[in-house]
Amino acid sequence: MSAFLEQLPVRAAALKRRIVFAEGHDERTIHAVARLQRAGVMQVILLGSQPDELRRAVDAAEGDGDGVIVLDPARDGRREHYAAQLFERRKHKGMTRAEALERVSHPLYFAAMMVATGEADGSVAGAAYTTSDVLRAALWCVGPAPGIETISSSFYMVVPPFRGTADPEVLTFTDAGVVPEPGARQLADIAQAAVEARRKIVGDEPRVAFLSYSTKGSADGASVQRMRDALTLFRERMPDVAADGELQADAALIPDVAARKAADSALAGTANVLVFPDLDAGNIAYKLVQRLARAEALGPIVQGLARPCNDLSRGASVDDIVHVACITALLA
């Protein structure tokens, strides 16, 4: 295991966060909650009907059911308060008070409202619910961070050494899960959010490459120009962050190639944040690297929200849920 993965629970535990899990009916979530609770990584809040059964399930997974806060959204006394807040946020879109009450009775919305009100520091869901369901609840209840208009995601790829280092590296792939065809301003949003998230999650200095099939004018086209424009916008917002584009992936990642293709690049082949031109490219790339290079893929980590509400792949393992929960704690 990489040092990054080994340190995730240690770093998360030091923060003593309260993380709410919306999918108490999911067996993988129960086992992840039990592991996190047993290790003292965070204060776990678990949502679902029949709280006594959920506590017994946590006990059976070798956790301490009495040490987990278990809430039933459909019967919890906070529903009216949450509904009033959601109604105020969404009434301009036609939501009624009755609809708001119905929404917050659902675990996804109840969890997101716990985060929005500060009663939880972050939320994790998506093992059973779809990404669109998870993001809708987060957007309606929490909303975007100041200065960010585009909610997006990143995968944190723990890859084997490939640049002459002895240890695995962590690369940010963005966006690989949310925005299908981003424009230049959206790409700048995505890059900005990825930089801010990486500083909390990995703790190093981000080095951003705007990727393309072209390197520094070697080809042209609409998508190439879009990446150039995105770089310009990004540099206006974050002038102190090393960034370059448009770059092919090898010129972004390999110093020898960068020396030949982009000798004046500020990155010099040492990028650690890769901004993809569209969702097709980002999603295909992360899955190829995951399967062919046997990289560990953590995510999708939602970025750009005012408070962290993270999504899971529906194929997530217990390890995946634990990792994403720890990352959520670091983002809070």
Protein backbone atom coordinates (compact mmCIF):
# COMPACT_ATOMS: atom_id res chain seq x y z
CA MET A 1 0.00 0.00 0.00
CA SER A 2 1.23 3.52 -0.79
CA ALA A 3 2.18 5.95 1.96
CA PHE A 4 -0.71 8.17 0.82
CA LEU A 5 -3.29 5.43 1.40
CA GLU A 6 -1.69 4.36 4.68
CA GLN A 7 -1.82 7.90 6.02
CA LEU A 8 -5.39 8.69 4.93
CA PRO A 9 -7.11 7.28 8.05
CA VAL A 10 -4.41 8.69 10.33
CA ARG A 11 -4.83 12.20 8.91
CA ALA A 12 -8.62 11.90 8.98
CA ALA A 13 -8.64 10.70 12.59
CA ALA A 14 -6.67 13.75 13.71
CA LEU A 15 -9.51 16.00 12.50
CA LYS A 16 -12.30 14.26 14.49
CA ARG A 17 -14.95 14.89 11.82
CA ARG A 18 -18.61 13.84 11.85
CA ILE A 19 -19.46 12.07 8.59
CA VAL A 20 -22.98 10.97 7.68
CA PHE A 21 -23.63 7.87 5.55
CA ALA A 22 -27.00 7.91 3.78
CA GLU A 23 -27.12 4.23 2.79
CA GLY A 24 -27.64 2.29 6.00
CA HIS A 25 -29.41 -0.42 3.99
CA ASP A 26 -26.23 -1.21 2.02
CA GLU A 27 -24.10 -4.04 3.39
CA ARG A 28 -20.82 -2.57 2.15
CA THR A 29 -21.63 0.71 3.89
CA ILE A 30 -22.30 -1.14 7.14
CA HIS A 31 -18.91 -2.87 6.98
CA ALA A 32 -17.14 0.40 6.13
CA VAL A 33 -18.89 2.18 8.99
CA ALA A 34 -17.91 -0.60 11.37
CA ARG A 35 -14.27 -0.38 10.31
CA LEU A 36 -14.14 3.41 10.62
CA GLN A 37 -15.91 3.37 13.97
CA ARG A 38 -13.75 0.56 15.36
CA ALA A 39 -10.55 2.42 14.38
CA GLY A 40 -11.79 5.74 15.76
CA VAL A 41 -11.28 7.50 12.44
CA MET A 42 -14.41 9.67 12.71
CA GLN A 43 -17.78 10.06 14.39
CA VAL A 44 -20.07 8.00 12.20
CA ILE A 45 -23.70 8.95 11.56
CA LEU A 46 -25.72 6.24 9.79
CA LEU A 47 -29.14 6.83 8.21
CA GLY A 48 -31.87 4.26 7.71
CA SER A 49 -35.11 2.86 9.00
CA GLN A 50 -35.16 0.48 11.96
CA PRO A 51 -32.19 1.91 13.87
CA ASP A 52 -31.97 -1.04 16.27
CA GLU A 53 -31.46 -3.43 13.37
CA LEU A 54 -28.76 -1.18 11.93
CA ARG A 55 -26.92 -1.11 15.25
CA ARG A 56 -27.04 -4.91 15.38
CA ALA A 57 -25.72 -5.02 11.81
CA VAL A 58 -22.78 -2.81 12.82
CA ASP A 59 -22.12 -5.13 15.78
CA ALA A 60 -22.18 -8.14 13.43
CA ALA A 61 -19.61 -6.37 11.21
CA GLU A 62 -17.30 -6.14 14.24
CA GLY A 63 -18.06 -2.53 15.06
CA ASP A 64 -19.80 -1.05 18.09
CA GLY A 65 -23.41 -0.34 17.21
CA ASP A 66 -23.87 1.75 20.36
CA GLY A 67 -20.99 3.98 19.27
CA VAL A 68 -22.68 4.86 15.97
CA ILE A 69 -25.33 7.58 15.73
CA VAL A 70 -28.24 6.01 13.84
CA LEU A 71 -31.07 8.21 12.57
CA ASP A 72 -34.29 7.46 10.71
CA PRO A 73 -34.91 10.44 8.38
CA ALA A 74 -38.60 9.62 7.99
CA ARG A 75 -39.18 10.01 11.74
CA ASP A 76 -36.49 12.38 12.93
CA GLY A 77 -37.58 15.57 14.66
CA ARG A 78 -35.32 17.75 12.52
CA ARG A 79 -37.40 17.19 9.39
CA GLU A 80 -39.54 20.32 9.82
CA HIS A 81 -36.48 22.52 10.34
CA TYR A 82 -34.69 20.99 7.36
CA ALA A 83 -37.80 21.27 5.19
CA ALA A 84 -38.15 24.97 6.00
CA GLN A 85 -34.56 25.59 4.95
CA LEU A 86 -34.87 23.55 1.76
CA PHE A 87 -38.10 25.35 0.89
CA GLU A 88 -36.36 28.73 1.19
CA ARG A 89 -33.56 27.50 -1.08
CA ARG A 90 -35.85 26.04 -3.73
CA LYS A 91 -39.10 28.02 -3.68
CA HIS A 92 -37.92 30.12 -6.61
CA LYS A 93 -37.89 26.85 -8.59
CA GLY A 94 -41.48 26.10 -7.62
CA MET A 95 -40.91 23.76 -4.67
CA THR A 96 -43.75 23.71 -2.15
CA ARG A 97 -43.46 23.21 1.60
CA ALA A 98 -45.02 19.77 1.28
CA GLU A 99 -42.50 18.77 -1.38
CA ALA A 100 -39.64 20.03 0.78
CA LEU A 101 -40.84 17.92 3.71
CA GLU A 102 -41.08 14.88 1.47
CA ARG A 103 -37.57 15.45 0.14
CA VAL A 104 -35.88 15.75 3.54
CA SER A 105 -37.53 12.51 4.63
CA HIS A 106 -35.29 10.79 2.06
CA PRO A 107 -31.84 9.76 3.36
CA LEU A 108 -29.89 11.57 0.60
CA TYR A 109 -31.56 14.90 1.29
CA PHE A 110 -31.56 14.44 5.06
CA ALA A 111 -27.80 13.74 4.92
CA ALA A 112 -27.17 16.76 2.69
CA MET A 113 -29.18 18.98 5.04
CA MET A 114 -27.15 17.72 8.00
CA VAL A 115 -24.06 18.89 6.12
CA ALA A 116 -25.65 22.19 5.07
CA THR A 117 -26.60 23.03 8.68
CA GLY A 118 -23.24 21.96 10.12
CA GLU A 119 -24.67 19.01 12.06
CA ALA A 120 -22.34 16.82 10.01
CA ASP A 121 -19.01 17.79 8.46
CA GLY A 122 -19.55 15.80 5.28
CA SER A 123 -21.59 13.04 3.68
CA VAL A 124 -20.92 9.87 1.70
CA ALA A 125 -23.39 8.04 -0.57
CA GLY A 126 -23.59 6.46 -4.01
CA ALA A 127 -23.02 2.76 -3.32
CA ALA A 128 -26.73 2.28 -4.03
CA TYR A 129 -27.98 5.64 -5.32
CA THR A 130 -26.94 7.08 -8.68
CA THR A 131 -24.48 9.93 -9.12
CA SER A 132 -27.27 12.18 -10.41
CA ASP A 133 -29.33 11.50 -7.27
CA VAL A 134 -26.38 12.21 -4.96
CA LEU A 135 -25.39 15.41 -6.78
CA ARG A 136 -28.94 16.72 -6.96
CA ALA A 137 -29.34 16.44 -3.20
CA ALA A 138 -25.97 18.12 -2.64
CA LEU A 139 -26.72 20.97 -5.05
CA TRP A 140 -30.18 21.63 -3.67
CA CYS A 141 -29.16 21.51 -0.03
CA VAL A 142 -25.52 22.63 0.09
CA GLY A 143 -24.82 24.44 -3.18
CA PRO A 144 -21.55 25.55 -4.78
CA ALA A 145 -18.61 27.17 -3.02
CA PRO A 146 -18.16 30.94 -3.47
CA GLY A 147 -16.62 31.76 -6.83
CA ILE A 148 -17.40 28.34 -8.34
CA GLU A 149 -20.25 27.87 -10.80
CA THR A 150 -19.44 24.32 -11.97
CA ILE A 151 -19.74 21.27 -9.74
CA SER A 152 -17.36 18.60 -10.98
CA SER A 153 -15.31 15.66 -9.73
CA SER A 154 -11.84 14.20 -9.59
CA PHE A 155 -10.39 10.74 -9.32
CA TYR A 156 -7.25 10.42 -7.25
CA MET A 157 -5.17 7.83 -9.05
CA VAL A 158 -2.48 6.11 -6.97
CA VAL A 159 -0.17 4.91 -9.74
CA PRO A 160 3.03 2.85 -9.69
CA PRO A 161 6.30 4.83 -9.96
CA PHE A 162 6.84 6.06 -13.53
CA ARG A 163 9.02 9.17 -13.29
CA GLY A 164 12.07 7.66 -11.64
CA THR A 165 10.73 7.89 -8.10
CA ALA A 166 10.78 4.95 -5.71
CA ASP A 167 7.24 5.45 -4.40
CA PRO A 168 3.81 5.44 -6.05
CA GLU A 169 2.47 8.83 -7.13
CA VAL A 170 -0.97 10.38 -6.75
CA LEU A 171 -2.42 12.00 -9.88
CA THR A 172 -5.63 14.01 -10.04
CA PHE A 173 -7.82 13.18 -13.07
CA THR A 174 -10.52 15.80 -13.60
CA ASP A 175 -13.34 15.85 -14.59
CA ALA A 176 -14.01 12.15 -15.03
CA GLY A 177 -17.51 11.86 -13.59
CA VAL A 178 -19.85 14.87 -13.90
CA VAL A 179 -19.59 17.46 -16.73
CA PRO A 180 -19.99 15.89 -20.20
CA GLU A 181 -18.84 18.73 -22.49
CA PRO A 182 -17.34 21.61 -20.48
CA GLY A 183 -16.70 24.98 -22.03
CA ALA A 184 -13.56 26.99 -21.35
CA ARG A 185 -14.99 28.73 -18.28
CA GLN A 186 -16.23 25.41 -16.89
CA LEU A 187 -12.79 23.87 -17.47
CA ALA A 188 -11.22 26.74 -15.51
CA ASP A 189 -13.75 26.12 -12.73
CA ILE A 190 -12.89 22.41 -12.76
CA ALA A 191 -9.16 23.10 -12.56
CA GLN A 192 -9.58 25.64 -9.76
CA ALA A 193 -11.71 23.27 -7.69
CA ALA A 194 -9.26 20.41 -8.30
CA VAL A 195 -6.34 22.53 -7.09
CA GLU A 196 -8.15 23.54 -3.91
CA ALA A 197 -9.22 19.95 -3.22
CA ARG A 198 -5.80 18.45 -3.91
CA ARG A 199 -4.12 20.76 -1.43
CA LYS A 200 -6.36 19.33 1.30
CA ILE A 201 -6.40 15.71 0.14
CA VAL A 202 -2.82 15.11 -0.98
CA GLY A 203 -1.15 18.05 0.70
CA ASP A 204 1.36 18.87 -2.03
CA GLU A 205 1.53 21.73 -4.51
CA PRO A 206 -0.72 21.17 -7.56
CA ARG A 207 0.83 21.35 -11.04
CA VAL A 208 -1.93 21.62 -13.62
CA ALA A 209 -1.88 20.38 -17.22
CA PHE A 210 -4.72 21.16 -19.64
CA LEU A 211 -4.66 18.09 -21.87
CA SER A 212 -5.29 17.81 -25.59
CA TYR A 213 -4.27 15.87 -28.69
CA SER A 214 -2.03 18.87 -29.42
CA THR A 215 1.07 20.19 -27.68
CA LYS A 216 1.73 23.92 -27.95
CA GLY A 217 0.24 24.38 -31.39
CA SER A 218 1.29 21.08 -32.96
CA ALA A 219 -2.34 20.74 -34.11
CA ASP A 220 -5.44 22.89 -34.13
CA GLY A 221 -9.18 22.53 -33.67
CA ALA A 222 -12.11 23.66 -31.53
CA SER A 223 -11.21 21.52 -28.52
CA VAL A 224 -7.57 22.62 -28.70
CA GLN A 225 -8.61 26.28 -28.61
CA ARG A 226 -10.98 25.55 -25.75
CA MET A 227 -8.09 24.19 -23.65
CA ARG A 228 -5.97 27.23 -24.47
CA ASP A 229 -8.79 29.53 -23.43
CA ALA A 230 -9.34 27.54 -20.24
CA LEU A 231 -5.65 27.91 -19.34
CA THR A 232 -5.85 31.67 -19.84
CA LEU A 233 -8.88 31.93 -17.55
CA PHE A 234 -7.29 29.67 -14.96
CA ARG A 235 -4.07 31.70 -14.87
CA GLU A 236 -6.10 34.86 -14.24
CA ARG A 237 -7.69 33.22 -11.21
CA MET A 238 -4.68 31.31 -9.82
CA PRO A 239 -1.54 32.98 -11.17
CA ASP A 240 0.70 31.39 -8.52
CA VAL A 241 -0.16 27.81 -9.53
CA ALA A 242 2.12 26.14 -12.09
CA ALA A 243 -0.06 25.40 -15.12
CA ASP A 244 0.34 24.87 -18.83
CA GLY A 245 -1.51 23.79 -21.95
CA GLU A 246 -2.47 22.68 -24.35
CA LEU A 247 -0.35 19.57 -23.75
CA GLN A 248 -0.47 15.96 -24.82
CA ALA A 249 -0.41 13.55 -21.90
CA ASP A 250 3.20 12.46 -22.42
CA ALA A 251 4.41 16.06 -22.55
CA ALA A 252 2.53 16.75 -19.32
CA LEU A 253 3.85 13.72 -17.45
CA ILE A 254 7.29 12.73 -18.75
CA PRO A 255 10.20 15.19 -18.35
CA ASP A 256 12.19 13.81 -21.31
CA VAL A 257 9.19 14.16 -23.62
CA ALA A 258 8.40 17.62 -22.29
CA ALA A 259 11.96 18.71 -23.03
CA ARG A 260 11.47 17.77 -26.70
CA LYS A 261 7.85 18.83 -27.24
CA ALA A 262 7.42 21.76 -24.84
CA ALA A 263 10.83 22.98 -23.79
CA ASP A 264 9.45 26.21 -22.32
CA SER A 265 6.66 24.52 -20.30
CA ALA A 266 6.31 25.63 -16.69
CA LEU A 267 5.51 22.02 -15.81
CA ALA A 268 8.51 20.35 -17.49
CA GLY A 269 6.72 17.01 -17.50
CA THR A 270 5.86 17.01 -13.79
CA ALA A 271 2.10 17.60 -13.84
CA ASN A 272 0.03 16.05 -11.06
CA VAL A 273 -3.39 17.51 -11.96
CA LEU A 274 -4.64 16.47 -15.39
CA VAL A 275 -7.58 18.45 -16.78
CA PHE A 276 -9.32 16.51 -19.54
CA PRO A 277 -11.16 18.21 -22.41
CA ASP A 278 -14.41 16.32 -21.82
CA LEU A 279 -16.03 13.57 -19.80
CA ASP A 280 -15.38 10.91 -22.44
CA ALA A 281 -11.63 11.48 -22.29
CA GLY A 282 -11.45 11.70 -18.49
CA ASN A 283 -13.61 8.67 -17.80
CA ILE A 284 -11.89 6.47 -20.40
CA ALA A 285 -8.45 7.54 -19.16
CA TYR A 286 -9.07 6.77 -15.50
CA LYS A 287 -10.53 3.35 -16.26
CA LEU A 288 -7.64 2.45 -18.56
CA VAL A 289 -5.06 3.51 -15.99
CA GLN A 290 -6.94 1.70 -13.25
CA ARG A 291 -7.13 -1.59 -15.16
CA LEU A 292 -3.93 -1.62 -17.23
CA ALA A 293 -1.56 0.04 -14.76
CA ARG A 294 -3.33 -1.50 -11.74
CA ALA A 295 -3.72 1.92 -10.21
CA GLU A 296 -5.91 2.56 -7.19
CA ALA A 297 -8.75 4.88 -8.22
CA LEU A 298 -10.27 6.91 -5.38
CA GLY A 299 -13.46 8.70 -6.27
CA PRO A 300 -15.27 10.28 -7.85
CA ILE A 301 -14.55 13.02 -5.32
CA VAL A 302 -17.08 15.81 -5.78
CA GLN A 303 -15.46 19.25 -5.92
CA GLY A 304 -16.79 22.78 -5.97
CA LEU A 305 -19.42 22.38 -3.23
CA ALA A 306 -19.57 24.70 -0.24
CA ARG A 307 -19.30 21.63 2.02
CA PRO A 308 -18.23 18.08 1.08
CA CYS A 309 -20.90 15.64 -0.10
CA ASN A 310 -19.14 12.78 -1.84
CA ASP A 311 -20.33 10.24 -4.35
CA LEU A 312 -19.33 6.58 -4.69
CA SER A 313 -19.30 4.24 -7.63
CA ARG A 314 -22.13 1.74 -7.33
CA GLY A 315 -19.45 -0.90 -7.72
CA ALA A 316 -17.59 0.48 -4.69
CA SER A 317 -15.86 -1.95 -2.34
CA VAL A 318 -15.67 -1.56 1.43
CA ASP A 319 -12.12 -0.23 0.98
CA ASP A 320 -13.40 2.34 -1.53
CA ILE A 321 -16.03 3.60 0.92
CA VAL A 322 -13.46 3.86 3.71
CA HIS A 323 -11.08 5.83 1.48
CA VAL A 324 -13.76 8.22 0.26
CA ALA A 325 -14.97 8.77 3.83
CA CYS A 326 -11.43 9.68 4.91
CA ILE A 327 -11.09 12.06 1.96
CA THR A 328 -14.43 13.64 2.89
CA ALA A 329 -13.08 14.26 6.38
CA LEU A 330 -9.98 15.94 4.92
CA LEU A 331 -12.13 18.21 2.74
CA ALA A 332 -14.38 19.33 5.61
